[in-house]
Amino acid sequence: MKKVIVHNLKTIPKDAAIYWNNNGSGFTKQLEIRKAITAFCEQPGIKKVWLSRKRKSTTAALKEFKHLYAPKNFYSMFEEFDDVFEMFYMEKSV
């Protein structure tokens, strides 16, 4: 199964947003990406919320998330066919 990374973080390269298992990056690049993800998720002030993609696209779920929570930064990684996924985000006021 492929894992999809969705984010707006400057510390993670844009090409990481494709498919985790298929983005063509070597082991060193994947370690770099994992460190950036771990560093973001362990910051104080990070909040978590579960989003549903049931009967809607990932894009629609992300638009809804952005509209409801107005995040400054966000990150999520999920399996390609999951109906729900966990979003890690930081509010704009933090």
C-alpha atoms as a PDB file:
ATOM      1  CA  MET A   1       0.000   0.000   0.000  1.00  0.00           C
ATOM      2  CA  LYS A   2       1.142   3.500  -0.742  1.00  0.00           C
ATOM      3  CA  LYS A   3       1.097   6.235   1.857  1.00  0.00           C
ATOM      4  CA  VAL A   4       0.156   9.740   0.822  1.00  0.00           C
ATOM      5  CA  ILE A   5       1.665  12.760   2.546  1.00  0.00           C
ATOM      6  CA  VAL A   6      -0.343  15.972   2.663  1.00  0.00           C
ATOM      7  CA  HIS A   7       1.262  19.064   4.183  1.00  0.00           C
ATOM      8  CA  ASN A   8       2.100  22.728   3.859  1.00  0.00           C
ATOM      9  CA  LEU A   9       5.347  22.598   5.827  1.00  0.00           C
ATOM     10  CA  LYS A  10       8.450  24.330   4.506  1.00  0.00           C
ATOM     11  CA  THR A  11      10.740  21.812   6.248  1.00  0.00           C
ATOM     12  CA  ILE A  12       9.453  18.896   4.136  1.00  0.00           C
ATOM     13  CA  PRO A  13      10.259  18.969   0.402  1.00  0.00           C
ATOM     14  CA  LYS A  14       7.318  19.386  -2.003  1.00  0.00           C
ATOM     15  CA  ASP A  15       8.200  16.132  -3.796  1.00  0.00           C
ATOM     16  CA  ALA A  16       7.477  14.263  -0.541  1.00  0.00           C
ATOM     17  CA  ALA A  17       3.808  15.126  -1.014  1.00  0.00           C
ATOM     18  CA  ILE A  18       3.512  12.521  -3.757  1.00  0.00           C
ATOM     19  CA  TYR A  19       3.584   8.914  -2.608  1.00  0.00           C
ATOM     20  CA  TRP A  20       5.822   7.891   0.273  1.00  0.00           C
ATOM     21  CA  ASN A  21       6.783   4.524  -1.232  1.00  0.00           C
ATOM     22  CA  ASN A  22       7.062   5.779  -4.805  1.00  0.00           C
ATOM     23  CA  ASN A  23       8.570   9.250  -4.720  1.00  0.00           C
ATOM     24  CA  GLY A  24      11.925   8.093  -6.033  1.00  0.00           C
ATOM     25  CA  SER A  25      13.886   9.409  -3.069  1.00  0.00           C
ATOM     26  CA  GLY A  26      16.639   7.365  -1.542  1.00  0.00           C
ATOM     27  CA  PHE A  27      16.927   6.193   2.040  1.00  0.00           C
ATOM     28  CA  THR A  28      18.849   9.307   3.139  1.00  0.00           C
ATOM     29  CA  LYS A  29      16.111  11.593   1.784  1.00  0.00           C
ATOM     30  CA  GLN A  30      13.404   9.503   3.485  1.00  0.00           C
ATOM     31  CA  LEU A  31      15.248   9.793   6.826  1.00  0.00           C
ATOM     32  CA  GLU A  32      15.427  13.554   6.362  1.00  0.00           C
ATOM     33  CA  ILE A  33      11.680  13.687   5.661  1.00  0.00           C
ATOM     34  CA  ARG A  34      10.884  11.474   8.687  1.00  0.00           C
ATOM     35  CA  LYS A  35      12.975  13.710  10.980  1.00  0.00           C
ATOM     36  CA  ALA A  36      11.145  16.817   9.759  1.00  0.00           C
ATOM     37  CA  ILE A  37       7.767  15.119  10.302  1.00  0.00           C
ATOM     38  CA  THR A  38       8.719  13.948  13.809  1.00  0.00           C
ATOM     39  CA  ALA A  39      10.057  17.388  14.735  1.00  0.00           C
ATOM     40  CA  PHE A  40       6.795  19.010  13.613  1.00  0.00           C
ATOM     41  CA  CYS A  41       4.501  16.516  15.381  1.00  0.00           C
ATOM     42  CA  GLU A  42       6.388  16.789  18.694  1.00  0.00           C
ATOM     43  CA  GLN A  43       6.271  20.602  18.955  1.00  0.00           C
ATOM     44  CA  PRO A  44       4.264  22.121  21.796  1.00  0.00           C
ATOM     45  CA  GLY A  45       0.969  23.565  20.617  1.00  0.00           C
ATOM     46  CA  ILE A  46       0.351  20.885  17.972  1.00  0.00           C
ATOM     47  CA  LYS A  47      -3.277  19.775  17.789  1.00  0.00           C
ATOM     48  CA  LYS A  48      -4.754  16.656  16.215  1.00  0.00           C
ATOM     49  CA  VAL A  49      -8.070  16.084  14.501  1.00  0.00           C
ATOM     50  CA  TRP A  50      -9.509  13.151  12.533  1.00  0.00           C
ATOM     51  CA  LEU A  51     -10.924  13.918   9.072  1.00  0.00           C
ATOM     52  CA  SER A  52     -13.312  11.812   7.050  1.00  0.00           C
ATOM     53  CA  ARG A  53     -12.976  11.223   3.311  1.00  0.00           C
ATOM     54  CA  LYS A  54     -16.046   9.041   3.153  1.00  0.00           C
ATOM     55  CA  ARG A  55     -18.045   9.853  -0.004  1.00  0.00           C
ATOM     56  CA  LYS A  56     -15.804  12.862  -0.817  1.00  0.00           C
ATOM     57  CA  SER A  57     -12.378  13.501  -2.240  1.00  0.00           C
ATOM     58  CA  THR A  58      -9.227  14.226  -0.258  1.00  0.00           C
ATOM     59  CA  THR A  59      -9.221  17.734  -1.726  1.00  0.00           C
ATOM     60  CA  ALA A  60     -12.759  18.388  -0.473  1.00  0.00           C
ATOM     61  CA  ALA A  61     -11.849  17.073   2.997  1.00  0.00           C
ATOM     62  CA  LEU A  62      -8.756  19.324   3.103  1.00  0.00           C
ATOM     63  CA  LYS A  63     -10.751  22.394   2.005  1.00  0.00           C
ATOM     64  CA  GLU A  64     -13.273  21.685   4.759  1.00  0.00           C
ATOM     65  CA  PHE A  65     -10.444  21.238   7.286  1.00  0.00           C
ATOM     66  CA  LYS A  66      -8.800  24.525   6.255  1.00  0.00           C
ATOM     67  CA  HIS A  67     -12.120  26.365   6.440  1.00  0.00           C
ATOM     68  CA  LEU A  68     -13.049  25.010   9.903  1.00  0.00           C
ATOM     69  CA  TYR A  69      -9.656  25.117  11.647  1.00  0.00           C
ATOM     70  CA  ALA A  70      -7.699  27.825   9.745  1.00  0.00           C
ATOM     71  CA  PRO A  71      -4.325  26.121  10.380  1.00  0.00           C
ATOM     72  CA  LYS A  72      -0.981  27.891  10.110  1.00  0.00           C
ATOM     73  CA  ASN A  73       0.800  24.590   9.359  1.00  0.00           C
ATOM     74  CA  PHE A  74      -0.581  21.091   8.880  1.00  0.00           C
ATOM     75  CA  TYR A  75       0.570  17.578   8.130  1.00  0.00           C
ATOM     76  CA  SER A  76      -1.010  14.183   7.570  1.00  0.00           C
ATOM     77  CA  MET A  77       0.067  10.839   6.151  1.00  0.00           C
ATOM     78  CA  PHE A  78      -2.489   8.159   5.297  1.00  0.00           C
ATOM     79  CA  GLU A  79      -2.991   4.998   3.304  1.00  0.00           C
ATOM     80  CA  GLU A  80      -4.376   5.481  -0.190  1.00  0.00           C
ATOM     81  CA  PHE A  81      -7.763   3.868   0.521  1.00  0.00           C
ATOM     82  CA  ASP A  82      -8.395   4.988   4.128  1.00  0.00           C
ATOM     83  CA  ASP A  83     -11.712   6.714   4.825  1.00  0.00           C
ATOM     84  CA  VAL A  84     -10.416   8.680   7.794  1.00  0.00           C
ATOM     85  CA  PHE A  85      -7.044  10.221   8.520  1.00  0.00           C
ATOM     86  CA  GLU A  86      -5.413  12.168  11.318  1.00  0.00           C
ATOM     87  CA  MET A  87      -4.285  15.746  10.736  1.00  0.00           C
ATOM     88  CA  PHE A  88      -1.601  17.379  12.876  1.00  0.00           C
ATOM     89  CA  TYR A  89      -1.835  21.161  12.781  1.00  0.00           C
ATOM     90  CA  MET A  90      -0.784  24.390  14.442  1.00  0.00           C
ATOM     91  CA  GLU A  91      -3.244  27.253  14.819  1.00  0.00           C
ATOM     92  CA  LYS A  92      -2.388  30.645  13.341  1.00  0.00           C
ATOM     93  CA  SER A  93      -2.475  32.341  16.757  1.00  0.00           C
ATOM     94  CA  VAL A  94       0.322  30.090  18.154  1.00  0.00           C
END
